[in-house]
Protein backbone atom coordinates (compact mmCIF):
# COMPACT_ATOMS: atom_id res chain seq x y z
CA UNK A 1 107.14 116.24 107.54
CA UNK A 2 106.62 119.72 105.11
CA UNK A 3 107.74 118.87 101.94
CA UNK A 4 108.13 122.37 100.44
CA UNK A 5 110.44 123.31 103.31
CA UNK A 6 112.33 119.90 102.41
CA UNK A 7 113.51 120.73 99.38
CA UNK A 8 114.45 124.42 100.16
CA UNK A 9 116.45 123.55 102.62
CA UNK A 10 117.99 120.68 100.63
CA UNK A 11 118.48 123.77 97.85
CA UNK A 12 119.72 126.21 100.69
CA UNK A 13 122.47 123.89 102.17
CA UNK A 14 123.55 123.25 99.02
CA UNK A 15 124.09 127.20 97.71
CA UNK A 16 125.40 128.12 100.91
CA UNK A 17 128.37 126.03 101.61
CA UNK A 18 130.00 125.58 98.23
CA UNK A 19 133.08 123.42 99.53
CA UNK A 20 130.07 120.63 99.94
CA UNK A 21 130.33 120.56 95.75
CA UNK A 22 133.51 119.01 96.07
CA UNK A 23 131.95 116.09 97.92
CA UNK A 24 128.86 116.30 96.14
CA UNK A 25 130.73 115.17 92.89
CA UNK A 26 132.38 112.00 93.95
CA UNK A 27 129.47 111.03 96.07
CA UNK A 28 126.40 112.00 93.51
CA UNK A 29 127.83 109.36 91.24
CA UNK A 30 130.96 111.83 89.52
CA UNK A 31 132.61 108.58 88.07
CA UNK A 32 130.97 108.47 85.24
CA UNK A 33 130.83 105.27 83.15
CA UNK A 34 133.36 104.20 80.59
CA UNK A 35 133.44 101.88 78.11
CA UNK A 36 135.29 100.99 75.15
CA UNK A 37 133.54 101.33 71.68
CA UNK A 38 134.41 98.97 68.79
CA UNK A 39 134.61 100.17 65.47
CA UNK A 40 131.96 98.91 63.39
CA UNK A 41 130.38 99.12 60.09
CA UNK A 42 131.67 97.57 56.80
CA UNK A 43 132.79 94.11 55.34
CA UNK A 44 135.72 92.38 57.02
CA UNK A 45 138.21 90.79 54.72
CA UNK A 46 141.29 88.34 55.46
CA UNK A 47 143.86 89.57 53.13
CA UNK A 48 142.50 93.47 53.94
CA UNK A 49 144.06 92.38 57.34
CA UNK A 50 147.20 90.79 56.13
CA UNK A 51 147.70 93.79 54.02
CA UNK A 52 147.52 96.29 56.40
CA UNK A 53 149.88 94.78 58.76
CA UNK A 54 147.21 94.74 61.32
CA UNK A 55 146.60 92.21 64.26
CA UNK A 56 148.80 90.08 66.03
CA UNK A 57 151.81 90.93 64.04
CA UNK A 58 151.48 94.71 64.64
CA UNK A 59 151.17 94.02 68.09
CA UNK A 60 154.04 91.67 68.13
CA UNK A 61 156.10 94.59 66.56
CA UNK A 62 155.56 96.65 69.57
CA UNK A 63 158.18 97.10 71.48
CA UNK A 64 159.48 97.13 74.92
CA UNK A 65 159.11 101.01 74.91
CA UNK A 66 155.44 100.01 73.71
CA UNK A 67 155.01 97.49 76.05
CA UNK A 68 156.21 99.52 78.70
CA UNK A 69 153.65 102.22 77.64
CA UNK A 70 150.25 100.22 77.34
CA UNK A 71 151.61 99.32 81.01
CA UNK A 72 151.50 102.71 82.48
CA UNK A 73 148.60 103.37 80.65
CA UNK A 74 146.55 100.79 82.15
CA UNK A 75 148.51 101.16 85.57
CA UNK A 76 147.28 104.94 85.89
CA UNK A 77 143.93 104.20 84.59
CA UNK A 78 143.47 101.67 87.63
CA UNK A 79 145.04 103.96 89.69
CA UNK A 80 142.31 106.70 89.01
CA UNK A 81 139.67 104.24 89.27
CA UNK A 82 140.61 103.24 92.44
CA UNK A 83 141.10 106.92 93.89
CA UNK A 84 137.68 107.51 92.50
CA UNK A 85 136.38 104.60 94.35
CA UNK A 86 137.85 106.17 97.61
CA UNK A 87 137.00 109.36 97.11
CA UNK A 88 133.37 108.22 96.48
CA UNK A 89 133.08 106.11 99.96
CA UNK A 90 135.28 108.90 101.68
CA UNK A 91 132.36 111.47 100.15
CA UNK A 92 129.00 109.79 101.18
CA UNK A 93 129.80 109.88 105.31
CA UNK A 94 131.42 112.91 105.32
CA UNK A 95 128.80 114.37 103.19
CA UNK A 96 126.18 113.49 104.99
CA UNK A 97 127.81 114.39 108.73
CA UNK A 98 128.06 117.67 107.36
CA UNK A 99 124.85 118.41 105.71
CA UNK A 100 123.41 116.67 109.41
CA UNK A 101 125.50 119.55 111.20
CA UNK A 102 124.60 122.13 109.02
CA UNK A 103 121.18 121.48 109.26
CA UNK A 104 121.60 121.50 112.95
CA UNK A 105 122.71 124.62 112.76
CA UNK A 106 126.33 123.32 114.22
CA UNK A 107 128.30 124.51 110.92
CA UNK A 108 130.71 122.14 109.60
CA UNK A 109 133.95 123.07 107.13
CA UNK A 110 135.99 121.12 104.14
CA UNK A 111 138.31 119.82 106.86
CA UNK A 112 135.50 117.92 109.27
CA UNK A 113 133.48 116.39 106.20
CA UNK A 114 137.03 115.04 105.35
CA UNK A 115 137.67 114.21 108.63
CA UNK A 116 134.57 112.67 109.13
CA UNK A 117 134.26 110.21 105.53
CA UNK A 118 137.74 108.92 106.53
CA UNK A 119 136.33 107.87 109.76
CA UNK A 120 133.51 106.46 108.40
CA UNK A 121 135.57 104.78 105.16
CA UNK A 122 135.08 101.02 106.31
CA UNK A 123 131.77 101.27 107.37
CA UNK A 124 130.66 102.75 104.36
CA UNK A 125 132.73 100.26 102.00
CA UNK A 126 131.17 97.29 104.54
CA UNK A 127 127.98 98.86 104.12
CA UNK A 128 127.92 98.72 100.56
CA UNK A 129 129.02 95.02 100.48
CA UNK A 130 126.53 94.18 102.67
CA UNK A 131 123.77 95.97 100.53
CA UNK A 132 125.41 94.12 97.19
CA UNK A 133 124.83 90.62 98.53
CA UNK A 134 121.48 91.38 99.57
CA UNK A 135 120.39 92.74 96.27
CA UNK A 136 122.29 89.37 94.83
CA UNK A 137 120.29 86.85 97.07
CA UNK A 138 116.73 89.31 96.29
CA UNK A 139 117.68 88.63 92.01
CA UNK A 140 118.47 84.83 93.01
CA UNK A 141 115.30 84.15 95.02
CA UNK A 142 112.75 86.36 92.47
CA UNK A 143 114.71 84.52 89.01
CA UNK A 144 114.33 81.30 91.19
CA UNK A 145 110.49 82.04 91.43
CA UNK A 146 110.04 82.94 87.71
CA UNK A 147 112.76 80.31 86.42
CA UNK A 148 110.62 77.38 88.30
CA UNK A 149 107.12 77.94 86.73
CA UNK A 150 108.37 78.48 82.94
CA UNK A 151 110.28 75.56 83.07
CA UNK A 152 107.59 73.88 84.39
CA UNK A 153 105.25 74.87 81.54
CA UNK A 154 107.66 74.17 78.97
CA UNK A 155 107.82 70.66 80.19
CA UNK A 156 104.97 69.93 81.38
CA UNK A 157 103.15 71.09 77.39
CA UNK A 158 104.10 72.32 74.20
CA UNK A 159 101.12 74.58 73.03
CA UNK A 160 103.15 77.41 71.62
CA UNK A 161 100.20 79.51 73.24
CA UNK A 162 101.00 78.30 76.38
CA UNK A 163 104.28 78.93 76.80
CA UNK A 164 103.89 82.38 75.43
CA UNK A 165 101.46 82.85 77.95
CA UNK A 166 103.74 81.83 80.94
CA UNK A 167 106.69 84.00 79.36
CA UNK A 168 104.83 87.02 79.31
CA UNK A 169 102.98 86.29 82.74
CA UNK A 170 106.89 85.99 83.94
CA UNK A 171 107.81 89.08 82.68
CA UNK A 172 105.10 90.96 84.36
CA UNK A 173 105.69 89.88 87.80
CA UNK A 174 109.15 89.87 87.21
CA UNK A 175 108.95 93.74 86.74
CA UNK A 176 106.35 94.32 89.23
CA UNK A 177 108.64 91.93 91.93
CA UNK A 178 111.25 94.11 90.69
CA UNK A 179 109.78 97.17 91.35
CA UNK A 180 108.44 96.16 94.63
CA UNK A 181 111.71 95.29 96.32
CA UNK A 182 113.94 96.87 95.32
CA UNK A 183 112.61 100.56 95.62
CA UNK A 184 112.43 100.07 99.42
CA UNK A 185 115.66 98.50 98.77
CA UNK A 186 116.96 102.08 98.07
CA UNK A 187 114.88 103.54 100.26
CA UNK A 188 116.24 101.36 103.46
CA UNK A 189 119.72 101.92 102.16
CA UNK A 190 119.83 105.83 101.74
CA UNK A 191 118.60 105.46 105.33
CA UNK A 192 121.25 103.03 106.22
CA UNK A 193 123.77 105.30 105.29
CA UNK A 194 122.73 108.05 107.64
CA UNK A 195 122.66 105.82 110.65
CA UNK A 196 126.65 105.25 110.03
CA UNK A 197 127.09 108.59 108.91
CA UNK A 198 124.86 110.30 111.81
CA UNK A 199 124.21 108.43 114.42
CA UNK A 200 127.53 106.23 114.21
CA UNK A 201 125.92 103.14 113.73
CA UNK A 202 128.03 99.90 113.18
CA UNK A 203 127.40 98.23 109.17
CA UNK A 204 124.77 95.37 110.22
CA UNK A 205 123.40 97.84 112.59
CA UNK A 206 123.04 100.80 110.23
CA UNK A 207 120.85 98.07 108.03
CA UNK A 208 118.67 97.63 110.66
CA UNK A 209 118.47 100.75 111.66
CA UNK A 210 117.28 101.58 108.34
CA UNK A 211 114.89 99.27 108.24
CA UNK A 212 113.29 100.16 111.01
CA UNK A 213 113.03 104.27 109.93
CA UNK A 214 111.39 103.21 106.78
CA UNK A 215 108.96 100.52 108.06
CA UNK A 216 107.88 103.65 110.94
CA UNK A 217 107.46 105.72 108.00
CA UNK A 218 106.78 103.73 105.30
CA UNK A 219 104.08 105.79 103.33
CA UNK A 220 106.56 109.48 104.31
CA UNK A 221 109.30 107.65 102.71
CA UNK A 222 107.46 106.31 99.36
CA UNK A 223 106.51 110.22 99.43
CA UNK A 224 110.66 111.41 99.58
CA UNK A 225 111.56 109.34 97.39
CA UNK A 226 108.63 110.01 94.33
CA UNK A 227 109.42 113.62 94.80
CA UNK A 228 113.58 112.86 94.75
CA UNK A 229 112.66 111.33 92.05
CA UNK A 230 110.59 114.48 89.88
CA UNK A 231 113.57 116.09 91.18
CA UNK A 232 115.85 114.52 89.53
CA UNK A 233 114.02 113.77 86.49
CA UNK A 234 113.42 117.36 86.14
CA UNK A 235 117.29 118.77 86.68
CA UNK A 236 118.14 115.75 84.37
CA UNK A 237 116.30 117.08 81.51
CA UNK A 238 117.14 121.00 82.10
CA UNK A 239 121.16 120.25 82.40
CA UNK A 240 120.59 118.07 79.31
CA UNK A 241 118.67 121.35 77.59
CA UNK A 242 121.53 123.53 79.04
CA UNK A 243 123.79 121.35 77.94
CA UNK A 244 122.87 121.10 73.95
CA UNK A 245 122.51 124.85 73.89
CA UNK A 246 125.38 125.83 74.89
CA UNK A 247 127.47 122.87 73.41
CA UNK A 248 125.88 124.29 70.38
CA UNK A 249 127.20 128.17 71.15
CA UNK A 250 130.83 126.47 71.99
CA UNK A 251 131.07 123.92 68.84
CA UNK A 252 129.92 126.56 66.34
CA UNK A 253 132.68 127.84 65.21
CA UNK A 254 134.25 124.54 65.04
CA UNK A 255 131.26 123.43 62.83
CA UNK A 256 131.75 126.38 60.49
CA UNK A 257 135.72 125.71 60.35
CA UNK A 258 135.28 121.85 59.47
CA UNK A 259 132.53 123.08 56.66
CA UNK A 260 135.40 125.26 55.20
CA UNK A 261 137.91 122.94 55.41
CA UNK A 262 140.24 124.51 58.18
CA UNK A 263 141.12 121.32 59.68
CA UNK A 264 143.96 122.29 62.15
CA UNK A 265 141.88 125.67 63.23
CA UNK A 266 139.10 123.19 63.63
CA UNK A 267 141.11 120.72 66.26
CA UNK A 268 141.60 124.17 68.55
CA UNK A 269 138.71 124.83 68.60
CA UNK A 270 137.04 122.20 69.70
CA UNK A 271 139.39 121.52 71.61
CA UNK A 272 139.30 124.89 73.31
CA UNK A 273 135.15 124.07 73.37
CA UNK A 274 135.78 120.98 74.60
CA UNK A 275 138.26 122.66 78.08
CA UNK A 276 135.10 125.73 78.23
CA UNK A 277 132.27 122.66 78.80
CA UNK A 278 134.03 119.90 80.62
CA UNK A 279 134.37 122.03 83.79
CA UNK A 280 130.78 123.55 83.69
CA UNK A 281 129.24 119.18 83.52
CA UNK A 282 131.50 118.79 86.06
CA UNK A 283 130.17 121.73 88.71
CA UNK A 284 126.72 120.70 87.26
CA UNK A 285 127.57 116.71 88.55
CA UNK A 286 128.65 118.62 91.72
CA UNK A 287 125.95 120.52 92.56
CA UNK A 288 122.97 117.82 91.58
CA UNK A 289 124.75 115.34 93.08
CA UNK A 290 125.27 117.25 96.88
CA UNK A 291 121.49 118.54 96.39
CA UNK A 292 120.75 114.90 96.48
CA UNK A 293 122.65 114.05 99.05
CA UNK A 294 121.39 117.11 101.54
CA UNK A 295 118.23 116.26 100.64
CA UNK A 296 118.17 112.29 101.98
CA UNK A 297 119.89 113.40 104.71
CA UNK A 298 117.73 116.40 105.88
CA UNK A 299 114.83 114.01 105.27
CA UNK A 300 116.32 111.05 106.97
CA UNK A 301 116.55 113.65 110.11
CA UNK A 302 112.79 115.01 109.56
CA UNK A 303 111.39 111.42 110.13
CA UNK A 304 113.65 110.44 112.76
CA UNK A 305 114.40 113.98 114.77
CA UNK A 306 111.31 116.02 115.06
CA UNK A 307 112.28 119.48 113.25
CA UNK A 308 111.25 121.35 116.71
CA UNK A 309 113.39 119.11 118.61
CA UNK A 310 116.69 118.65 116.26
CA UNK A 311 119.06 121.87 118.03
CA UNK A 312 118.71 120.39 120.94
């Protein structure tokens, strides 16, 4: 395998087929996590709580209209989450299938990528369920292997030094086991997904096929993973720096307006900056996701099909 050509082929596929960016956004983790941050800082006083009208009495005063609004917002959030999950599953199978077709010189279109993803939807879902259960089982086994010696030492001796020593060794052994188990599992998962998308394998057959590809090409598979890790770290750092620089330029008017206490104008300028920056971030995420997916798909093809016979 020529690893330089692998990177160039993935980059070329990403740049020349911009319709893949739609699928790359969802396949590459475009559904970023979200969380709820509770306000913090300062003390808490029951008297202030009651005087402000906050808490459950305030919730009781929302009324039917407020309750309906909350239910509608929660329902909308759930629907958006479900839509993103569905698009993620469709994009996984469709993107791998289209990249393989493009690499073979057959070409592909948006509609073909979409249909390929839809036809593999349930198998990709089953693939995720199987690998989740495998990862859960491995975590349970590793946890049991680490907990039993620690529990035995704590039960058998009251020596602080012995207890600290066994905890340190257990932590180091745990880190080693996690790295030694889950890096191969990640690589096998990448190959198994391509078994479904390209070879139309079933869920369990894809796991066996992914393991077979990894076992036959363990050294090259690890090197592909290391190169991909370095590439994504480099891309992530570059995107972070670019985002900070562009964000600083876009939000500079907002900062100036806030400094001069033009609150309304600052809010408008900030909203404009967000509306400009958000599409750029989405586009960057889509391109990075497409490249990452294309990289693994082409690597799978190079490991399973010799380049000189790929067109056949």
